[in-house]
Structures are given as C-alpha cells and as structure tokens.
C-alpha cells in the first residue's frame, strides 16, 4: 500500500515541476516580446531624432553655402576689410 502511494506522488511531483518550468518559459517568452517591442519603439525614436538632426544640418549647410556664394560673388566689399596675400618665400 505504501509503495503505491509513493509511486502516485512521484508523477505528481514531476508534473508540478514541469508546470513550473513551463510557466517560467512562458514568462520569459512574454518578457522577450515586451523587450522587443520596447526596442522597436526606441529605435523609431532614434530614427525620428536623426531625421530631424539631418534636416537641421541640411538647412545649416545650405545657409553656409549661400553665404559663401554671396561672399565669393561680392569680394569687393571684403577687400577693404580683409586682405589675403600669398607669401613668396
């Protein structure tokens, strides 16, 4: 009688431990999914920031280019203030 009782306990104990492992696996899978979603959101934010920075840099570069073009087109104004000489060594 005692032997039957112990044999019955063993499968229950194994099943209980297996249930715990399965539950833990499910929790890990859910956590990985959540982490993946969070990463996607953060990457999307970084992409948006980079797009904004790129647009701002493009505007600044265009403004500098326009200033340089204006400067080159009208060097007479700058000759009175600035003088560039090449030294002959």
Foldseek 3Di string as FASTA:
>chain_A
DVVVVVVVVVVVVVVVVVVVVVVVVVVVVVVVVVVVVVVVVVVVVVVVVVVVVVVVVVVVVVVVVVVVVVCVVCVVVVVVPDDDDDDDD
